[in-house]
Amino acid sequence: MSYAALLVYVNADRVSRQLIGVAEGLVDKFSAKLIGLSALAIRPPFVAEGVVIVDNATEVDIAMMKATLANAGSKFGGAAGADRQTDSRDAWL
């Protein structure tokens, strides 16, 4: 039995080497590609006493989120090892 890919969640703030190690064992067992997925959410509007205080994300906030996700993807690739077939996906919502 084999799988084409195994998806593992990658925390954008701290890449877990232990979680990736478990995933690598399964990847080897099932001859799969290892895909890391990471996501961040834009802060929602704040409501206080019936008044909506809109705190929209600025371009700087979005750029910082994208940089954080790219950094997590790089750390994921490094933790998985250069000899392993990996891919990194990210999203900001």
Protein backbone atom coordinates (compact mmCIF):
# COMPACT_ATOMS: atom_id res chain seq x y z
CA MET A 1 0.00 0.00 0.00
CA SER A 2 1.27 3.50 -0.78
CA TYR A 3 0.08 7.10 -0.65
CA ALA A 4 1.04 9.88 -3.03
CA ALA A 5 1.40 12.50 -0.28
CA LEU A 6 1.18 13.05 3.45
CA LEU A 7 0.07 16.47 4.74
CA VAL A 8 1.40 17.65 8.10
CA TYR A 9 0.45 20.86 9.93
CA VAL A 10 3.36 23.24 10.54
CA ASN A 11 2.88 25.86 13.26
CA ALA A 12 3.98 29.18 11.77
CA ASP A 13 5.45 30.32 15.10
CA ARG A 14 7.38 27.17 16.02
CA VAL A 15 8.18 24.29 13.67
CA SER A 16 7.96 21.00 15.62
CA ARG A 17 10.88 18.72 14.73
CA GLN A 18 9.18 15.92 16.68
CA LEU A 19 5.97 16.15 14.62
CA ILE A 20 7.95 16.20 11.37
CA GLY A 21 9.92 13.16 12.59
CA VAL A 22 6.70 11.18 13.07
CA ALA A 23 5.51 12.27 9.62
CA GLU A 24 8.84 11.22 8.08
CA GLY A 25 8.38 7.72 9.47
CA LEU A 26 4.99 7.48 7.79
CA VAL A 27 6.35 8.96 4.55
CA ASP A 28 9.04 6.29 4.45
CA LYS A 29 6.53 3.54 5.25
CA PHE A 30 4.06 4.57 2.54
CA SER A 31 6.47 5.99 -0.08
CA ALA A 32 4.81 9.40 -0.01
CA LYS A 33 5.77 13.00 -0.58
CA LEU A 34 5.76 15.14 2.59
CA ILE A 35 3.74 18.37 2.40
CA GLY A 36 3.82 20.97 5.17
CA LEU A 37 0.79 23.25 5.64
CA SER A 38 0.80 26.45 7.65
CA ALA A 39 -1.82 29.19 8.02
CA LEU A 40 -2.34 32.48 9.82
CA ALA A 41 -5.57 34.44 10.35
CA ILE A 42 -5.99 38.17 9.97
CA ARG A 43 -7.31 39.68 13.18
CA PRO A 44 -11.10 40.12 13.01
CA PRO A 45 -12.82 43.44 13.80
CA PHE A 46 -13.20 44.15 17.51
CA VAL A 47 -16.66 44.74 19.02
CA ALA A 48 -17.05 46.51 22.37
CA GLU A 49 -20.39 47.57 23.89
CA GLY A 50 -22.18 47.31 20.54
CA VAL A 51 -19.64 49.44 18.69
CA VAL A 52 -17.58 47.80 15.95
CA ILE A 53 -14.02 49.00 15.94
CA VAL A 54 -12.63 48.04 12.58
CA ASP A 55 -8.96 47.19 12.82
CA ASN A 56 -8.19 46.21 9.25
CA ALA A 57 -4.89 44.58 8.49
CA THR A 58 -2.50 46.95 6.79
CA GLU A 59 -0.21 46.06 3.92
CA VAL A 60 2.63 45.90 6.45
CA ASP A 61 0.67 43.38 8.56
CA ILE A 62 0.01 41.21 5.52
CA ALA A 63 3.66 41.42 4.43
CA MET A 64 4.75 40.33 7.93
CA MET A 65 2.31 37.40 7.83
CA LYS A 66 3.62 36.30 4.44
CA ALA A 67 7.21 36.53 5.71
CA THR A 68 6.33 34.46 8.80
CA LEU A 69 4.70 31.79 6.62
CA ALA A 70 7.67 31.73 4.23
CA ASN A 71 10.02 31.35 7.20
CA ALA A 72 7.95 28.43 8.54
CA GLY A 73 8.12 26.80 5.10
CA SER A 74 11.90 27.15 5.04
CA LYS A 75 12.23 25.70 8.54
CA PHE A 76 9.95 22.81 7.53
CA GLY A 77 12.13 22.02 4.52
CA GLY A 78 15.25 22.18 6.66
CA ALA A 79 13.77 19.97 9.39
CA ALA A 80 12.64 17.37 6.85
CA GLY A 81 16.10 17.17 5.29
CA ALA A 82 17.47 17.92 1.86
CA ASP A 83 17.27 14.32 0.66
CA ARG A 84 13.49 14.09 1.23
CA GLN A 85 10.88 15.12 -1.34
CA THR A 86 8.90 17.92 0.33
CA ASP A 87 6.59 20.77 -0.51
CA SER A 88 5.34 23.66 1.60
CA ARG A 89 1.92 25.32 1.38
CA ASP A 90 0.63 28.33 3.26
CA ALA A 91 -2.40 30.59 3.50
CA TRP A 92 -3.45 33.72 5.28
CA LEU A 93 -7.14 34.24 5.86
